[in-house]
Amino acid sequence: MELTEVVTSRRSVRAYKKDTTVEQSTIEEIIRFAQEAPSWKNSQTGRYYVAISPEKVAAVKEKSLPEFNQKSCADAPVLIVTTFVKNRAGFDREGNADNELGNEWGAYDLGLQNELLTLKATELGLDTLIMGIRDGEALRAEFDIPDTEEVVAVIALGYRDNEPEKPKRKDVEAIVKFF
């Protein structure tokens, strides 16, 4: 698949085929590709916690997601929790913020990785849904995520069961100013 086709065919999927699985090796390939994203001073602070067993997936849904997100990923066979190591991206070696954004650079870098993750999944015929409304502390407990990491998102991964419509994008003129 060409890059343009991958980007324009990717959708946030809220209905997954039942009784499907995704091989661990495929998930590793997707995450390995996500690691190619640029990061602040090559700090590579993104981390992944993958629920792949049906029991763990069910526990994450029940304990960590609000009802509407549980419904949106009801049949997804994989849930990936994404985090970043705090106080590294956007900081110097002594732990001082390099600019006013501080840890927001960690979130920025992880966003780039999450984008590549979703695009690689699309290229491999899989679909995703990034969920930011979740219980971070419940996820921290469920996966034993250290306090040195910021919990950001849960990404559902699986095979779509419907064909979601493409949302309209704003016109370039509405989002760009040339000087």
N, C-alpha and C. Protein backbone atom coordinates (compact mmCIF):
# COMPACT_ATOMS: atom_id res chain seq x y z
N MET A 1 0.84 -1.18 0.00
CA MET A 1 0.00 0.00 0.00
C MET A 1 0.89 1.25 0.00
N GLU A 2 0.58 2.22 -0.82
CA GLU A 2 1.32 3.49 -0.84
C GLU A 2 0.94 4.31 0.39
N LEU A 3 1.84 5.20 0.83
CA LEU A 3 1.61 6.01 2.02
C LEU A 3 0.29 6.78 1.94
N THR A 4 0.02 7.42 0.82
CA THR A 4 -1.21 8.19 0.69
C THR A 4 -2.43 7.30 0.90
N GLU A 5 -2.40 6.11 0.34
CA GLU A 5 -3.52 5.18 0.50
C GLU A 5 -3.67 4.74 1.95
N VAL A 6 -2.55 4.49 2.63
CA VAL A 6 -2.60 4.10 4.04
C VAL A 6 -3.23 5.22 4.86
N VAL A 7 -2.76 6.44 4.66
CA VAL A 7 -3.25 7.57 5.46
C VAL A 7 -4.73 7.83 5.18
N THR A 8 -5.13 7.83 3.91
CA THR A 8 -6.52 8.17 3.59
C THR A 8 -7.50 7.03 3.86
N SER A 9 -7.02 5.80 4.01
CA SER A 9 -7.93 4.69 4.29
C SER A 9 -8.04 4.38 5.78
N ARG A 10 -7.14 4.92 6.60
CA ARG A 10 -7.18 4.68 8.04
C ARG A 10 -8.42 5.33 8.64
N ARG A 11 -9.07 4.64 9.51
CA ARG A 11 -10.25 5.14 10.21
C ARG A 11 -10.16 4.77 11.69
N SER A 12 -10.85 5.55 12.51
CA SER A 12 -11.06 5.16 13.90
C SER A 12 -12.22 4.18 13.90
N VAL A 13 -11.92 2.93 14.20
CA VAL A 13 -12.90 1.86 14.08
C VAL A 13 -13.52 1.56 15.45
N ARG A 14 -14.84 1.47 15.47
CA ARG A 14 -15.57 1.21 16.71
C ARG A 14 -16.39 -0.07 16.67
N ALA A 15 -16.12 -0.91 15.67
CA ALA A 15 -16.77 -2.22 15.57
C ALA A 15 -15.75 -3.19 14.99
N TYR A 16 -15.41 -4.21 15.77
CA TYR A 16 -14.38 -5.18 15.38
C TYR A 16 -15.00 -6.55 15.17
N LYS A 17 -14.40 -7.32 14.28
CA LYS A 17 -14.87 -8.68 14.03
C LYS A 17 -14.70 -9.51 15.29
N LYS A 18 -15.72 -10.27 15.61
CA LYS A 18 -15.70 -11.13 16.80
C LYS A 18 -14.79 -12.33 16.58
N ASP A 19 -14.29 -12.83 17.68
CA ASP A 19 -13.53 -14.08 17.70
C ASP A 19 -12.33 -14.07 16.75
N THR A 20 -11.62 -12.94 16.71
CA THR A 20 -10.40 -12.85 15.93
C THR A 20 -9.22 -12.65 16.88
N THR A 21 -8.05 -12.91 16.38
CA THR A 21 -6.83 -12.69 17.16
C THR A 21 -5.83 -11.94 16.28
N VAL A 22 -4.82 -11.39 16.92
CA VAL A 22 -3.71 -10.76 16.22
C VAL A 22 -2.45 -11.41 16.79
N GLU A 23 -1.61 -11.90 15.91
CA GLU A 23 -0.39 -12.58 16.35
C GLU A 23 0.54 -11.61 17.10
N GLN A 24 1.18 -12.10 18.14
CA GLN A 24 2.13 -11.28 18.89
C GLN A 24 3.23 -10.75 17.97
N SER A 25 3.67 -11.53 17.03
CA SER A 25 4.72 -11.09 16.11
C SER A 25 4.25 -9.90 15.26
N THR A 26 2.98 -9.86 14.92
CA THR A 26 2.43 -8.73 14.16
C THR A 26 2.41 -7.48 15.03
N ILE A 27 2.02 -7.64 16.28
CA ILE A 27 2.01 -6.49 17.21
C ILE A 27 3.43 -5.98 17.40
N GLU A 28 4.38 -6.88 17.54
CA GLU A 28 5.79 -6.47 17.68
C GLU A 28 6.25 -5.72 16.43
N GLU A 29 5.85 -6.18 15.24
CA GLU A 29 6.21 -5.48 14.01
C GLU A 29 5.64 -4.07 13.99
N ILE A 30 4.40 -3.93 14.42
CA ILE A 30 3.75 -2.61 14.45
C ILE A 30 4.47 -1.69 15.42
N ILE A 31 4.79 -2.18 16.61
CA ILE A 31 5.47 -1.35 17.61
C ILE A 31 6.89 -1.03 17.17
N ARG A 32 7.57 -1.98 16.57
CA ARG A 32 8.92 -1.73 16.05
C ARG A 32 8.88 -0.59 15.03
N PHE A 33 7.89 -0.58 14.18
CA PHE A 33 7.74 0.49 13.20
C PHE A 33 7.46 1.82 13.90
N ALA A 34 6.61 1.81 14.92
CA ALA A 34 6.29 3.04 15.66
C ALA A 34 7.54 3.66 16.27
N GLN A 35 8.50 2.83 16.64
CA GLN A 35 9.74 3.31 17.23
C GLN A 35 10.57 4.15 16.26
N GLU A 36 10.25 4.11 14.98
CA GLU A 36 10.98 4.90 13.99
C GLU A 36 10.62 6.38 14.05
N ALA A 37 9.60 6.75 14.82
CA ALA A 37 9.19 8.15 14.92
C ALA A 37 10.32 8.99 15.53
N PRO A 38 10.42 10.24 15.09
CA PRO A 38 11.41 11.12 15.70
C PRO A 38 11.03 11.40 17.16
N SER A 39 12.04 11.68 17.97
CA SER A 39 11.77 12.05 19.37
C SER A 39 12.79 13.08 19.83
N TRP A 40 12.44 13.82 20.86
CA TRP A 40 13.27 14.87 21.43
C TRP A 40 14.64 14.31 21.77
N LYS A 41 15.66 14.84 21.14
CA LYS A 41 17.05 14.42 21.37
C LYS A 41 17.20 12.89 21.33
N ASN A 42 16.39 12.25 20.47
CA ASN A 42 16.40 10.80 20.33
C ASN A 42 16.17 10.09 21.67
N SER A 43 15.33 10.70 22.51
CA SER A 43 15.11 10.15 23.86
C SER A 43 14.27 8.88 23.87
N GLN A 44 13.44 8.66 22.85
CA GLN A 44 12.67 7.42 22.72
C GLN A 44 11.97 7.02 24.02
N THR A 45 11.12 7.90 24.52
CA THR A 45 10.48 7.67 25.83
C THR A 45 9.15 6.92 25.76
N GLY A 46 8.66 6.59 24.57
CA GLY A 46 7.41 5.85 24.46
C GLY A 46 7.52 4.44 25.01
N ARG A 47 6.47 3.99 25.69
CA ARG A 47 6.41 2.64 26.24
C ARG A 47 5.04 2.04 25.92
N TYR A 48 4.97 0.70 25.83
CA TYR A 48 3.75 0.02 25.44
C TYR A 48 3.47 -1.14 26.39
N TYR A 49 2.22 -1.27 26.75
CA TYR A 49 1.74 -2.38 27.59
C TYR A 49 0.58 -3.00 26.81
N VAL A 50 0.74 -4.28 26.44
CA VAL A 50 -0.18 -4.90 25.50
C VAL A 50 -1.01 -5.99 26.18
N ALA A 51 -2.32 -5.80 26.15
CA ALA A 51 -3.25 -6.83 26.61
C ALA A 51 -3.62 -7.66 25.39
N ILE A 52 -3.21 -8.93 25.42
CA ILE A 52 -3.43 -9.79 24.26
C ILE A 52 -4.26 -11.02 24.64
N SER A 53 -4.20 -11.45 25.89
CA SER A 53 -5.04 -12.59 26.30
C SER A 53 -6.47 -12.10 26.50
N PRO A 54 -7.46 -12.93 26.18
CA PRO A 54 -8.86 -12.51 26.35
C PRO A 54 -9.17 -12.06 27.79
N GLU A 55 -8.53 -12.71 28.76
CA GLU A 55 -8.77 -12.35 30.16
C GLU A 55 -8.24 -10.96 30.48
N LYS A 56 -7.04 -10.65 29.99
CA LYS A 56 -6.45 -9.34 30.26
C LYS A 56 -7.20 -8.24 29.52
N VAL A 57 -7.57 -8.51 28.28
CA VAL A 57 -8.34 -7.53 27.51
C VAL A 57 -9.65 -7.22 28.23
N ALA A 58 -10.35 -8.24 28.70
CA ALA A 58 -11.61 -8.04 29.42
C ALA A 58 -11.40 -7.25 30.70
N ALA A 59 -10.33 -7.55 31.43
CA ALA A 59 -10.05 -6.84 32.68
C ALA A 59 -9.77 -5.36 32.42
N VAL A 60 -9.00 -5.07 31.37
CA VAL A 60 -8.68 -3.68 31.04
C VAL A 60 -9.96 -2.93 30.69
N LYS A 61 -10.79 -3.53 29.86
CA LYS A 61 -12.05 -2.88 29.47
C LYS A 61 -12.90 -2.59 30.70
N GLU A 62 -13.07 -3.60 31.54
CA GLU A 62 -13.96 -3.48 32.70
C GLU A 62 -13.44 -2.49 33.74
N LYS A 63 -12.15 -2.53 34.02
CA LYS A 63 -11.59 -1.72 35.11
C LYS A 63 -11.12 -0.33 34.69
N SER A 64 -10.86 -0.14 33.39
CA SER A 64 -10.15 1.08 32.99
C SER A 64 -10.86 1.95 31.97
N LEU A 65 -11.92 1.45 31.34
CA LEU A 65 -12.57 2.23 30.29
C LEU A 65 -14.01 2.57 30.66
N PRO A 66 -14.45 3.79 30.35
CA PRO A 66 -15.86 4.12 30.57
C PRO A 66 -16.74 3.29 29.64
N GLU A 67 -18.00 3.22 29.95
CA GLU A 67 -18.92 2.35 29.22
C GLU A 67 -18.91 2.60 27.71
N PHE A 68 -18.90 3.87 27.28
CA PHE A 68 -18.95 4.13 25.85
C PHE A 68 -17.70 3.64 25.14
N ASN A 69 -16.52 3.70 25.79
CA ASN A 69 -15.31 3.15 25.17
C ASN A 69 -15.30 1.62 25.24
N GLN A 70 -15.87 1.04 26.30
CA GLN A 70 -15.99 -0.41 26.34
C GLN A 70 -16.80 -0.89 25.14
N LYS A 71 -17.87 -0.16 24.83
CA LYS A 71 -18.72 -0.52 23.69
C LYS A 71 -17.95 -0.33 22.37
N SER A 72 -17.17 0.76 22.27
CA SER A 72 -16.45 1.06 21.04
C SER A 72 -15.38 0.03 20.70
N CYS A 73 -14.86 -0.66 21.73
CA CYS A 73 -13.82 -1.66 21.47
C CYS A 73 -14.25 -3.05 21.94
N ALA A 74 -15.56 -3.27 21.99
CA ALA A 74 -16.11 -4.49 22.58
C ALA A 74 -15.48 -5.77 22.05
N ASP A 75 -15.25 -5.87 20.76
CA ASP A 75 -14.74 -7.11 20.19
C ASP A 75 -13.28 -7.00 19.74
N ALA A 76 -12.61 -5.91 20.09
CA ALA A 76 -11.20 -5.77 19.73
C ALA A 76 -10.39 -6.82 20.49
N PRO A 77 -9.55 -7.59 19.79
CA PRO A 77 -8.80 -8.65 20.46
C PRO A 77 -7.55 -8.17 21.19
N VAL A 78 -7.13 -6.92 20.94
CA VAL A 78 -5.90 -6.39 21.54
C VAL A 78 -6.15 -4.97 22.03
N LEU A 79 -5.61 -4.66 23.21
CA LEU A 79 -5.60 -3.30 23.72
C LEU A 79 -4.16 -2.95 24.05
N ILE A 80 -3.71 -1.80 23.54
CA ILE A 80 -2.34 -1.34 23.77
C ILE A 80 -2.39 -0.06 24.58
N VAL A 81 -1.78 -0.08 25.75
CA VAL A 81 -1.68 1.12 26.58
C VAL A 81 -0.36 1.80 26.24
N THR A 82 -0.43 3.09 25.93
CA THR A 82 0.78 3.83 25.58
C THR A 82 1.10 4.83 26.68
N THR A 83 2.39 4.89 27.02
CA THR A 83 2.88 5.80 28.05
C THR A 83 4.18 6.44 27.56
N PHE A 84 4.64 7.44 28.30
CA PHE A 84 5.98 7.97 28.05
C PHE A 84 6.69 8.20 29.37
N VAL A 85 7.99 8.08 29.34
CA VAL A 85 8.82 8.33 30.53
C VAL A 85 8.83 9.83 30.78
N LYS A 86 8.44 10.23 31.98
CA LYS A 86 8.36 11.65 32.33
C LYS A 86 9.76 12.25 32.54
N ASN A 87 9.82 13.56 32.38
CA ASN A 87 11.00 14.36 32.69
C ASN A 87 12.24 13.99 31.90
N ARG A 88 12.04 13.52 30.67
CA ARG A 88 13.18 13.20 29.79
C ARG A 88 13.07 13.97 28.48
N ALA A 89 12.01 13.73 27.69
CA ALA A 89 11.80 14.52 26.47
C ALA A 89 11.38 15.92 26.89
N GLY A 90 12.11 16.92 26.38
CA GLY A 90 11.83 18.30 26.77
C GLY A 90 12.66 18.79 27.94
N PHE A 91 13.59 17.93 28.40
CA PHE A 91 14.41 18.25 29.56
C PHE A 91 15.89 18.05 29.24
N ASP A 92 16.74 18.80 29.95
CA ASP A 92 18.18 18.57 29.79
C ASP A 92 18.60 17.43 30.71
N ARG A 93 19.85 17.06 30.67
CA ARG A 93 20.35 15.91 31.45
C ARG A 93 20.25 16.13 32.96
N GLU A 94 20.17 17.40 33.39
CA GLU A 94 20.04 17.70 34.82
C GLU A 94 18.59 17.73 35.28
N GLY A 95 17.65 17.50 34.35
CA GLY A 95 16.24 17.46 34.72
C GLY A 95 15.51 18.79 34.65
N ASN A 96 16.12 19.78 34.01
CA ASN A 96 15.49 21.09 33.84
C ASN A 96 14.77 21.13 32.50
N ALA A 97 13.55 21.69 32.52
CA ALA A 97 12.80 21.82 31.27
C ALA A 97 13.57 22.73 30.31
N ASP A 98 13.69 22.30 29.05
CA ASP A 98 14.39 23.08 28.04
C ASP A 98 13.55 24.24 27.51
N ASN A 99 12.24 24.15 27.63
CA ASN A 99 11.35 25.27 27.30
C ASN A 99 10.07 25.13 28.10
N GLU A 100 9.11 26.03 27.86
CA GLU A 100 7.90 26.08 28.68
C GLU A 100 7.00 24.86 28.53
N LEU A 101 7.22 24.02 27.55
CA LEU A 101 6.36 22.85 27.35
C LEU A 101 6.73 21.67 28.24
N GLY A 102 7.98 21.55 28.65
CA GLY A 102 8.37 20.46 29.54
C GLY A 102 7.88 19.10 29.09
N ASN A 103 7.10 18.42 29.93
CA ASN A 103 6.64 17.06 29.63
C ASN A 103 5.67 16.97 28.45
N GLU A 104 5.17 18.10 27.99
CA GLU A 104 4.32 18.04 26.82
C GLU A 104 5.09 17.51 25.61
N TRP A 105 6.43 17.64 25.62
CA TRP A 105 7.23 17.06 24.54
C TRP A 105 7.17 15.54 24.57
N GLY A 106 7.08 14.94 25.74
CA GLY A 106 6.92 13.49 25.83
C GLY A 106 5.61 13.05 25.20
N ALA A 107 4.55 13.82 25.45
CA ALA A 107 3.25 13.51 24.85
C ALA A 107 3.30 13.71 23.34
N TYR A 108 3.98 14.75 22.90
CA TYR A 108 4.14 15.02 21.47
C TYR A 108 4.85 13.85 20.79
N ASP A 109 5.97 13.45 21.36
CA ASP A 109 6.74 12.34 20.80
C ASP A 109 5.91 11.06 20.76
N LEU A 110 5.18 10.79 21.84
CA LEU A 110 4.35 9.58 21.87
C LEU A 110 3.23 9.67 20.83
N GLY A 111 2.71 10.87 20.61
CA GLY A 111 1.70 11.05 19.56
C GLY A 111 2.23 10.68 18.20
N LEU A 112 3.49 11.07 17.93
CA LEU A 112 4.11 10.69 16.66
C LEU A 112 4.24 9.17 16.56
N GLN A 113 4.64 8.53 17.65
CA GLN A 113 4.76 7.07 17.65
C GLN A 113 3.39 6.43 17.46
N ASN A 114 2.37 6.95 18.16
CA ASN A 114 1.03 6.38 18.03
C ASN A 114 0.51 6.52 16.61
N GLU A 115 0.85 7.65 15.96
CA GLU A 115 0.44 7.82 14.56
C GLU A 115 1.07 6.73 13.70
N LEU A 116 2.37 6.52 13.85
CA LEU A 116 3.02 5.47 13.05
C LEU A 116 2.45 4.10 13.38
N LEU A 117 2.13 3.86 14.64
CA LEU A 117 1.52 2.59 15.04
C LEU A 117 0.21 2.38 14.29
N THR A 118 -0.65 3.39 14.26
CA THR A 118 -1.94 3.22 13.59
C THR A 118 -1.77 3.07 12.08
N LEU A 119 -0.80 3.77 11.50
CA LEU A 119 -0.59 3.67 10.05
C LEU A 119 -0.02 2.30 9.67
N LYS A 120 0.90 1.78 10.47
CA LYS A 120 1.44 0.44 10.18
C LYS A 120 0.35 -0.62 10.32
N ALA A 121 -0.49 -0.46 11.34
CA ALA A 121 -1.61 -1.39 11.50
C ALA A 121 -2.48 -1.37 10.25
N THR A 122 -2.78 -0.18 9.75
CA THR A 122 -3.60 -0.06 8.55
C THR A 122 -2.93 -0.75 7.37
N GLU A 123 -1.64 -0.52 7.21
CA GLU A 123 -0.89 -1.14 6.11
C GLU A 123 -1.00 -2.66 6.17
N LEU A 124 -1.03 -3.21 7.39
CA LEU A 124 -1.09 -4.67 7.57
C LEU A 124 -2.52 -5.20 7.58
N GLY A 125 -3.51 -4.34 7.29
CA GLY A 125 -4.89 -4.79 7.22
C GLY A 125 -5.62 -4.78 8.54
N LEU A 126 -5.05 -4.16 9.55
CA LEU A 126 -5.67 -4.06 10.87
C LEU A 126 -6.24 -2.66 11.06
N ASP A 127 -7.04 -2.51 12.09
CA ASP A 127 -7.67 -1.22 12.38
C ASP A 127 -7.49 -0.87 13.85
N THR A 128 -7.64 0.43 14.14
CA THR A 128 -7.35 0.93 15.48
C THR A 128 -8.39 1.96 15.92
N LEU A 129 -8.40 2.18 17.21
CA LEU A 129 -9.15 3.28 17.83
C LEU A 129 -8.31 3.77 19.00
N ILE A 130 -7.92 5.04 18.96
CA ILE A 130 -7.17 5.63 20.07
C ILE A 130 -8.17 6.21 21.06
N MET A 131 -8.09 5.75 22.31
CA MET A 131 -9.00 6.21 23.35
C MET A 131 -8.23 6.96 24.43
N GLY A 132 -8.55 8.23 24.58
CA GLY A 132 -7.90 9.06 25.59
C GLY A 132 -8.71 9.17 26.86
N ILE A 133 -9.97 8.80 26.81
CA ILE A 133 -10.80 8.82 28.02
C ILE A 133 -10.72 7.43 28.62
N ARG A 134 -9.96 7.35 29.71
CA ARG A 134 -9.65 6.08 30.37
C ARG A 134 -9.25 6.39 31.79
N ASP A 135 -9.17 5.40 32.64
CA ASP A 135 -8.75 5.57 34.03
C ASP A 135 -7.27 5.24 34.12
N GLY A 136 -6.44 6.29 34.12
CA GLY A 136 -4.99 6.11 34.13
C GLY A 136 -4.48 5.36 35.33
N GLU A 137 -5.04 5.61 36.49
CA GLU A 137 -4.58 4.92 37.70
C GLU A 137 -4.97 3.44 37.68
N ALA A 138 -6.14 3.13 37.15
CA ALA A 138 -6.53 1.72 37.02
C ALA A 138 -5.60 1.01 36.04
N LEU A 139 -5.24 1.68 34.95
CA LEU A 139 -4.30 1.09 33.99
C LEU A 139 -2.93 0.91 34.63
N ARG A 140 -2.50 1.90 35.41
CA ARG A 140 -1.21 1.81 36.10
C ARG A 140 -1.19 0.57 37.00
N ALA A 141 -2.28 0.34 37.72
CA ALA A 141 -2.36 -0.83 38.61
C ALA A 141 -2.43 -2.13 37.81
N GLU A 142 -3.23 -2.15 36.76
CA GLU A 142 -3.44 -3.37 35.96
C GLU A 142 -2.15 -3.86 35.30
N PHE A 143 -1.28 -2.91 34.88
CA PHE A 143 -0.06 -3.27 34.17
C PHE A 143 1.21 -3.02 34.98
N ASP A 144 1.05 -2.60 36.22
CA ASP A 144 2.21 -2.28 37.07
C ASP A 144 3.11 -1.23 36.39
N ILE A 145 2.48 -0.17 35.91
CA ILE A 145 3.20 0.91 35.23
C ILE A 145 3.83 1.80 36.30
N PRO A 146 5.14 2.05 36.20
CA PRO A 146 5.81 2.85 37.23
C PRO A 146 5.35 4.31 37.22
N ASP A 147 5.49 4.97 38.36
CA ASP A 147 5.14 6.39 38.49
C ASP A 147 6.00 7.29 37.62
N THR A 148 7.11 6.79 37.13
CA THR A 148 7.99 7.58 36.26
C THR A 148 7.45 7.70 34.84
N GLU A 149 6.32 7.04 34.57
CA GLU A 149 5.70 7.08 33.24
C GLU A 149 4.33 7.73 33.33
N GLU A 150 4.00 8.48 32.28
CA GLU A 150 2.69 9.12 32.15
C GLU A 150 1.81 8.24 31.26
N VAL A 151 0.67 7.82 31.78
CA VAL A 151 -0.28 7.02 30.99
C VAL A 151 -1.02 7.97 30.06
N VAL A 152 -1.03 7.65 28.76
CA VAL A 152 -1.64 8.57 27.79
C VAL A 152 -2.89 7.99 27.14
N ALA A 153 -2.80 6.84 26.50
CA ALA A 153 -3.93 6.35 25.71
C ALA A 153 -4.04 4.83 25.76
N VAL A 154 -5.20 4.37 25.35
CA VAL A 154 -5.44 2.95 25.09
C VAL A 154 -5.81 2.85 23.62
N ILE A 155 -5.11 1.98 22.90
CA ILE A 155 -5.38 1.81 21.47
C ILE A 155 -5.95 0.41 21.25
N ALA A 156 -7.19 0.37 20.75
CA ALA A 156 -7.79 -0.91 20.36
C ALA A 156 -7.21 -1.31 19.02
N LEU A 157 -6.96 -2.61 18.85
CA LEU A 157 -6.37 -3.13 17.62
C LEU A 157 -7.12 -4.40 17.23
N GLY A 158 -7.52 -4.48 15.97
CA GLY A 158 -8.22 -5.65 15.47
C GLY A 158 -8.64 -5.45 14.03
N TYR A 159 -9.64 -6.22 13.61
CA TYR A 159 -10.12 -6.16 12.23
C TYR A 159 -11.52 -5.56 12.22
N ARG A 160 -11.70 -4.54 11.39
CA ARG A 160 -13.00 -3.84 11.36
C ARG A 160 -14.13 -4.75 10.94
N ASP A 161 -15.31 -4.48 11.51
CA ASP A 161 -16.51 -5.24 11.19
C ASP A 161 -17.50 -4.40 10.38
N ASN A 162 -17.12 -3.17 10.08
CA ASN A 162 -17.95 -2.31 9.24
C ASN A 162 -17.06 -1.34 8.50
N GLU A 163 -17.64 -0.52 7.69
CA GLU A 163 -16.89 0.43 6.87
C GLU A 163 -17.25 1.84 7.34
N PRO A 164 -16.48 2.39 8.30
CA PRO A 164 -16.81 3.73 8.80
C PRO A 164 -16.64 4.78 7.71
N GLU A 165 -17.49 5.81 7.77
CA GLU A 165 -17.37 6.91 6.82
C GLU A 165 -16.15 7.75 7.15
N LYS A 166 -15.62 8.38 6.13
CA LYS A 166 -14.48 9.28 6.33
C LYS A 166 -15.02 10.64 6.77
N PRO A 167 -14.56 11.12 7.93
CA PRO A 167 -15.00 12.45 8.36
C PRO A 167 -14.43 13.52 7.43
N LYS A 168 -15.18 14.58 7.25
CA LYS A 168 -14.72 15.68 6.41
C LYS A 168 -13.55 16.38 7.10
N ARG A 169 -12.56 16.74 6.33
CA ARG A 169 -11.41 17.49 6.83
C ARG A 169 -11.61 18.96 6.50
N LYS A 170 -11.07 19.84 7.35
CA LYS A 170 -11.15 21.27 7.10
C LYS A 170 -10.36 21.62 5.85
N ASP A 171 -10.78 22.68 5.19
CA ASP A 171 -10.04 23.18 4.03
C ASP A 171 -8.70 23.72 4.51
N VAL A 172 -7.68 23.56 3.69
CA VAL A 172 -6.34 24.05 4.02
C VAL A 172 -6.38 25.54 4.35
N GLU A 173 -7.19 26.29 3.63
CA GLU A 173 -7.28 27.75 3.86
C GLU A 173 -7.77 28.07 5.27
N ALA A 174 -8.47 27.16 5.89
CA ALA A 174 -9.00 27.40 7.24
C ALA A 174 -7.96 27.14 8.32
N ILE A 175 -6.86 26.47 7.99
CA ILE A 175 -5.89 26.10 9.02
C ILE A 175 -4.48 26.63 8.80
N VAL A 176 -4.27 27.33 7.68
CA VAL A 176 -2.91 27.77 7.34
C VAL A 176 -2.88 29.28 7.13
N LYS A 177 -1.80 29.89 7.60
CA LYS A 177 -1.51 31.29 7.29
C LYS A 177 -0.12 31.35 6.68
N PHE A 178 -0.03 31.88 5.48
CA PHE A 178 1.25 32.05 4.81
C PHE A 178 1.72 33.49 4.97
N PHE A 179 2.99 33.69 5.21
CA PHE A 179 3.55 35.04 5.39
C PHE A 179 4.69 35.25 4.41
